[in-house]
Protein backbone atom coordinates (compact mmCIF):
# COMPACT_ATOMS: atom_id res chain seq x y z
CA MET A 1 0.00 0.00 0.00
CA LYS A 2 1.31 3.43 -0.89
CA VAL A 3 1.70 5.93 1.89
CA PHE A 4 2.47 9.61 1.67
CA ARG A 5 5.85 10.39 3.20
CA LYS A 6 6.07 14.01 4.39
CA CYS A 7 9.61 15.27 4.85
CA ILE A 8 10.89 18.61 5.95
CA VAL A 9 14.25 18.96 4.30
CA ARG A 10 17.11 21.43 4.32
CA VAL A 11 18.37 22.12 0.82
CA LYS A 12 22.16 22.35 0.48
CA SER A 13 22.10 24.15 -2.89
CA SER A 14 20.68 27.51 -3.91
CA SER A 15 17.57 26.02 -5.54
CA PRO A 16 14.99 23.84 -3.79
CA LYS A 17 14.16 22.30 -7.19
CA VAL A 18 17.16 20.02 -6.63
CA ILE A 19 14.83 18.02 -4.35
CA PHE A 20 13.18 16.42 -7.39
CA ASP A 21 16.50 14.75 -8.26
CA CYS A 22 17.52 13.77 -4.72
CA ILE A 23 14.97 11.13 -3.74
CA ASP A 24 14.49 7.49 -4.70
CA GLU A 25 10.65 7.64 -4.52
CA PRO A 26 7.98 9.25 -6.73
CA VAL A 27 7.47 12.88 -5.70
CA TRP A 28 3.87 13.93 -5.03
CA GLY A 29 4.81 17.55 -4.36
CA VAL A 30 7.48 19.94 -3.14
CA TRP A 31 6.68 23.22 -1.44
CA GLU A 32 9.00 26.04 -0.45
CA GLY A 33 8.16 28.15 2.56
CA LEU A 34 6.72 31.63 2.49
CA PHE A 35 6.16 31.75 6.28
CA GLY A 36 7.05 29.11 8.85
CA LEU A 37 10.09 27.48 7.21
CA ALA A 38 13.68 28.66 6.94
CA ASN A 39 14.72 30.01 3.54
CA ASN A 40 16.73 26.83 2.83
CA GLU A 41 13.98 24.40 3.89
CA ALA A 42 11.13 22.80 1.99
CA ILE A 43 8.36 20.27 2.48
CA ALA A 44 8.50 17.28 0.16
CA ILE A 45 5.82 14.61 -0.02
CA THR A 46 6.69 11.37 -1.74
CA LEU A 47 4.72 8.20 -2.46
CA SER A 48 6.25 5.24 -0.72
CA GLU A 49 5.68 1.51 -0.44
CA LYS A 50 8.66 0.96 1.88
CA ASP A 51 8.78 0.91 5.66
CA GLU A 52 12.38 2.11 5.83
CA PRO A 53 13.22 5.81 5.83
CA SER A 54 13.51 7.29 2.37
CA PHE A 55 16.93 7.58 0.76
CA TRP A 56 18.00 11.11 -0.10
CA SER A 57 21.18 12.02 -1.93
CA ASP A 58 23.68 14.49 -0.54
CA GLY A 59 21.73 17.48 -1.93
CA VAL A 60 19.37 17.58 1.04
CA GLU A 61 19.32 16.92 4.77
CA VAL A 62 16.12 15.38 6.20
CA LEU A 63 15.02 17.28 9.31
CA ASP A 64 11.74 15.44 9.90
CA GLU A 65 9.98 12.51 8.24
CA GLU A 66 6.47 11.13 8.77
CA ARG A 67 4.56 8.32 7.05
CA LEU A 68 0.99 9.48 6.49
CA LEU A 69 -2.22 7.95 5.21
CA PRO A 70 -4.81 9.98 3.31
CA THR A 71 -8.24 10.24 4.90
CA ALA A 72 -11.03 12.01 2.98
CA ARG A 73 -8.49 13.60 0.62
CA PRO A 74 -6.62 13.15 -1.60
CA THR A 75 -8.66 10.50 -3.35
CA SER A 76 -5.87 9.75 -5.84
CA THR A 77 -2.09 10.03 -6.06
CA ASP A 78 -2.28 12.73 -8.76
CA ARG A 79 0.10 15.58 -7.98
CA PRO A 80 -1.21 18.99 -6.94
CA THR A 81 -0.69 21.42 -9.83
CA LYS A 82 -2.40 24.74 -9.03
CA GLU A 83 -0.35 27.86 -8.52
CA GLY A 84 -1.16 29.87 -5.42
CA LEU A 85 -0.83 29.55 -1.68
CA TYR A 86 -0.65 26.14 0.00
CA VAL A 87 -1.06 26.03 3.78
CA PHE A 88 0.12 23.02 5.77
CA ARG A 89 -1.73 22.88 9.10
CA SER A 90 -0.61 20.49 11.81
CA MET A 91 -3.47 19.39 14.03
CA HIS A 92 -2.34 17.67 17.23
CA THR A 93 -4.97 15.51 18.83
CA ILE A 94 -5.71 12.35 20.76
CA SER A 95 -5.82 9.39 18.37
CA ARG A 96 -9.38 8.46 19.24
CA HIS A 97 -10.52 11.81 17.75
CA VAL A 98 -9.04 11.23 14.28
CA GLU A 99 -12.19 9.87 12.61
CA GLU A 100 -14.36 12.63 14.09
CA ILE A 101 -11.90 15.24 12.83
CA VAL A 102 -12.16 13.71 9.36
CA ARG A 103 -15.98 13.73 9.55
CA LEU A 104 -16.13 17.36 10.73
CA SER A 105 -13.66 18.41 8.03
CA GLU A 106 -15.75 16.80 5.30
CA GLN A 107 -18.85 18.47 6.72
CA ALA A 108 -17.17 21.88 6.79
CA TRP A 109 -15.76 21.56 3.28
CA GLN A 110 -19.28 21.35 1.81
CA THR A 111 -19.75 25.08 2.35
CA PHE A 112 -16.09 26.13 2.81
CA GLU A 113 -15.24 25.31 -0.81
CA THR A 114 -18.35 26.93 -2.27
CA ASP A 115 -18.22 30.21 -0.35
CA GLY A 116 -18.10 32.99 -2.94
CA ASN A 117 -15.93 35.30 -0.79
CA TYR A 118 -12.70 33.39 -1.47
CA VAL A 119 -11.24 30.54 -3.52
CA ALA A 120 -9.98 27.52 -1.55
CA GLU A 121 -9.68 23.76 -1.87
CA PRO A 122 -8.62 21.29 0.82
CA VAL A 123 -6.10 19.11 -1.05
CA GLY A 124 -5.24 16.57 1.63
CA LEU A 125 -6.09 15.54 5.16
CA PHE A 126 -3.59 13.01 6.46
CA LYS A 127 -3.29 10.89 9.57
CA PRO A 128 -0.20 9.07 10.84
CA GLU A 129 0.29 5.55 9.58
CA GLY A 130 0.67 4.19 13.12
CA PRO A 131 -0.59 6.77 15.62
CA ASP A 132 0.31 6.69 19.30
CA ASP A 133 -2.17 7.87 21.94
CA SER A 134 -1.60 11.40 20.69
CA CYS A 135 -0.77 12.23 17.11
CA ALA A 136 -0.44 14.96 14.52
CA MET A 137 -2.72 15.09 11.53
CA TRP A 138 -1.81 17.29 8.56
CA LEU A 139 -4.22 19.37 6.49
CA LEU A 140 -3.03 20.80 3.17
CA THR A 141 -5.25 23.53 1.73
CA TRP A 142 -4.82 25.45 -1.52
CA TYR A 143 -5.87 29.10 -1.88
CA ASP A 144 -5.58 31.26 -4.97
CA GLY A 145 -3.63 33.76 -2.84
CA PHE A 146 -3.17 35.33 0.57
CA GLU A 147 -6.31 37.45 0.19
CA SER A 148 -8.46 34.34 -0.14
CA TRP A 149 -6.75 32.78 2.87
CA GLN A 150 -7.47 35.92 4.88
CA ARG A 151 -11.14 36.06 3.79
CA SER A 152 -11.54 32.34 4.52
CA ARG A 153 -10.99 33.09 8.21
CA SER A 154 -14.71 34.05 8.15
CA PRO A 155 -16.27 31.13 6.28
CA HIS A 156 -19.92 30.21 5.79
CA ALA A 157 -21.69 29.68 9.15
CA ASP A 158 -22.04 25.91 8.60
CA ALA A 159 -18.32 25.54 7.86
CA LYS A 160 -17.43 27.73 10.82
CA SER A 161 -19.54 25.61 13.17
CA ALA A 162 -17.84 22.39 12.03
CA PHE A 163 -14.39 24.00 12.25
CA ILE A 164 -15.07 25.15 15.83
CA LYS A 165 -16.13 21.61 16.80
CA ARG A 166 -13.01 20.22 15.07
CA HIS A 167 -10.80 22.72 16.87
CA SER A 168 -12.23 21.61 20.23
CA LEU A 169 -10.74 18.14 19.56
CA LEU A 170 -7.22 19.50 19.08
CA THR A 171 -4.51 20.01 21.66
CA SER A 172 -2.63 22.44 19.39
CA THR A 173 -2.39 23.56 15.80
CA SER A 174 0.03 25.57 13.68
CA ALA A 175 0.34 26.53 10.03
CA ILE A 176 3.08 26.91 7.42
CA ALA A 177 2.44 29.01 4.31
CA THR A 178 4.09 27.64 1.16
CA ARG A 179 4.08 27.68 -2.61
CA LEU A 180 4.21 24.65 -4.87
CA LEU A 181 7.40 24.04 -6.87
CA LYS A 182 7.17 22.49 -10.31
CA PRO A 183 9.77 19.89 -11.41
């Protein structure tokens, strides 16, 4: 079974695009930081069928690596392609809340994605492959730009209600603003 392997890497060259040539697994996406990552760091997500840590060449240093399973999204392994703002949100929770967080997210997305005040699309909601009692889930959301992200802080009332319930199940959350790199 393929899992999504999320790595935060430090790039040793001047261009983070070197990441595409430094890994022995198919690359699902690479994002460079706008806010929340150092200027020589990036987030790379690969598709893996191996249990061992991924093998990276000398062009990058792996700072953190997690094996993740998709929940409601993505529904395929097709790469994200849209230009714009991608926000990675870590959602720390107790493992028994994972399925309820997925349910509330799906409920919220019904009106979150169709709100005419901004343009947004949740791309992925991931859970750890083997969670402990507490775990971090990762939400990846695409926005057409920072203005949409800012306007989405006041979503449709139904989405807001579901997001508030979801937030009550979290112990902490943080976000990293990024942009997608093309190979």
